[in-house]
C-alpha atoms as a PDB file:
ATOM      1  CA  MET A   1       0.000   0.000   0.000  1.00  0.00           C
ATOM      2  CA  THR A   2       2.765   2.469   0.846  1.00  0.00           C
ATOM      3  CA  SER A   3       4.336   2.239  -2.607  1.00  0.00           C
ATOM      4  CA  ARG A   4       0.943   2.689  -4.309  1.00  0.00           C
ATOM      5  CA  LEU A   5       0.234   5.745  -2.177  1.00  0.00           C
ATOM      6  CA  LYS A   6       3.582   7.280  -3.033  1.00  0.00           C
ATOM      7  CA  ALA A   7       3.156   6.501  -6.731  1.00  0.00           C
ATOM      8  CA  LEU A   8      -0.268   8.171  -6.815  1.00  0.00           C
ATOM      9  CA  ARG A   9       1.009  11.208  -4.902  1.00  0.00           C
ATOM     10  CA  LEU A  10       3.875  11.632  -7.332  1.00  0.00           C
ATOM     11  CA  ARG A  11       1.615  11.115 -10.341  1.00  0.00           C
ATOM     12  CA  ALA A  12      -0.739  13.787  -8.996  1.00  0.00           C
ATOM     13  CA  GLU A  13       2.299  16.028  -8.434  1.00  0.00           C
ATOM     14  CA  LEU A  14       1.290  16.660  -4.836  1.00  0.00           C
ATOM     15  CA  PRO A  15       3.861  17.508  -2.189  1.00  0.00           C
ATOM     16  CA  MET A  16       3.741  15.570   1.069  1.00  0.00           C
ATOM     17  CA  ALA A  17       2.771  18.767   2.871  1.00  0.00           C
ATOM     18  CA  ALA A  18      -0.464  19.063   0.855  1.00  0.00           C
ATOM     19  CA  ILE A  19      -1.582  15.592   1.847  1.00  0.00           C
ATOM     20  CA  ALA A  20      -0.486  16.128   5.440  1.00  0.00           C
ATOM     21  CA  LYS A  21      -2.709  19.209   5.561  1.00  0.00           C
ATOM     22  CA  ALA A  22      -5.663  17.279   4.102  1.00  0.00           C
ATOM     23  CA  PHE A  23      -5.130  14.570   6.728  1.00  0.00           C
ATOM     24  CA  GLY A  24      -5.124  17.209   9.478  1.00  0.00           C
ATOM     25  CA  LEU A  25      -1.475  16.654  10.335  1.00  0.00           C
ATOM     26  CA  LYS A  26       0.896  19.426  11.389  1.00  0.00           C
ATOM     27  CA  GLY A  27       3.504  18.802   8.734  1.00  0.00           C
ATOM     28  CA  ARG A  28       4.925  16.531   6.112  1.00  0.00           C
ATOM     29  CA  SER A  29       6.807  14.442   8.675  1.00  0.00           C
ATOM     30  CA  GLY A  30       3.474  13.281  10.113  1.00  0.00           C
ATOM     31  CA  TYR A  31       2.396  12.113   6.671  1.00  0.00           C
ATOM     32  CA  GLN A  32       5.728  10.563   5.704  1.00  0.00           C
ATOM     33  CA  ARG A  33       5.048   7.475   7.809  1.00  0.00           C
ATOM     34  CA  TYR A  34       2.193   6.483   5.489  1.00  0.00           C
ATOM     35  CA  GLU A  35       4.660   6.095   2.623  1.00  0.00           C
ATOM     36  CA  ASN A  36       7.203   4.142   4.655  1.00  0.00           C
ATOM     37  CA  PRO A  37       6.548   0.373   4.754  1.00  0.00           C
ATOM     38  CA  GLU A  38       8.605   0.087   7.943  1.00  0.00           C
ATOM     39  CA  THR A  39       6.394   2.505   9.882  1.00  0.00           C
ATOM     40  CA  PHE A  40       3.016   1.813   8.248  1.00  0.00           C
ATOM     41  CA  THR A  41       2.554  -1.922   8.078  1.00  0.00           C
ATOM     42  CA  LYS A  42      -1.194  -2.160   7.496  1.00  0.00           C
ATOM     43  CA  ASP A  43      -2.489  -3.476   4.184  1.00  0.00           C
ATOM     44  CA  ASP A  44      -4.932  -0.603   3.689  1.00  0.00           C
ATOM     45  CA  LEU A  45      -5.131   3.079   4.446  1.00  0.00           C
ATOM     46  CA  PRO A  46      -7.983   3.930   6.860  1.00  0.00           C
ATOM     47  CA  LEU A  47     -11.157   4.812   4.950  1.00  0.00           C
ATOM     48  CA  ASN A  48     -11.428   8.282   6.486  1.00  0.00           C
ATOM     49  CA  LEU A  49      -7.986   9.124   5.045  1.00  0.00           C
ATOM     50  CA  VAL A  50      -8.805   7.619   1.656  1.00  0.00           C
ATOM     51  CA  ARG A  51     -11.873   9.862   1.490  1.00  0.00           C
ATOM     52  CA  LYS A  52      -9.669  12.886   2.113  1.00  0.00           C
ATOM     53  CA  LEU A  53      -7.448  11.869  -0.804  1.00  0.00           C
ATOM     54  CA  LEU A  54     -10.271  11.610  -3.336  1.00  0.00           C
ATOM     55  CA  PRO A  55     -10.690  15.361  -4.029  1.00  0.00           C
ATOM     56  CA  LEU A  56      -6.921  15.859  -4.035  1.00  0.00           C
ATOM     57  CA  MET A  57      -6.035  13.113  -6.486  1.00  0.00           C
ATOM     58  CA  VAL A  58      -8.919  12.089  -8.734  1.00  0.00           C
ATOM     59  CA  GLY A  59      -8.511  13.467 -12.231  1.00  0.00           C
ATOM     60  CA  LYS A  60      -4.911  14.554 -11.714  1.00  0.00           C
ATOM     61  CA  GLY A  61      -1.817  13.067 -13.278  1.00  0.00           C
ATOM     62  CA  ASP A  62      -1.104  11.400 -16.574  1.00  0.00           C
ATOM     63  CA  PRO A  63      -2.968   9.165 -16.966  1.00  0.00           C
ATOM     64  CA  ALA A  64      -5.640  10.746 -14.803  1.00  0.00           C
ATOM     65  CA  ILE A  65      -6.033   9.092 -11.412  1.00  0.00           C
ATOM     66  CA  THR A  66      -9.357   7.309 -11.006  1.00  0.00           C
ATOM     67  CA  VAL A  67     -11.636   6.948  -8.000  1.00  0.00           C
ATOM     68  CA  GLU A  68     -10.942   3.218  -8.071  1.00  0.00           C
ATOM     69  CA  GLU A  69      -7.189   3.728  -7.782  1.00  0.00           C
ATOM     70  CA  VAL A  70      -7.601   5.905  -4.700  1.00  0.00           C
ATOM     71  CA  MET A  71     -10.209   3.627  -3.141  1.00  0.00           C
ATOM     72  CA  ASP A  72      -7.823   0.693  -3.629  1.00  0.00           C
ATOM     73  CA  LEU A  73      -5.489   2.226  -1.062  1.00  0.00           C
END
């Protein structure tokens, strides 16, 4: 999951700080753990966080990120 999250973030050209803000975190270091497989070992991102990613990512990138790709996190 961590590598998929990072790949989508990069494809959407979003800085870590933008996602951290959407998650309600103080800074990018709080978000960074979600992209690190050593610190985030769950198979899926919590649904409340996935929902916060939808408006940030869907339709961005090349090819455009789909709802399904974000929901798969």
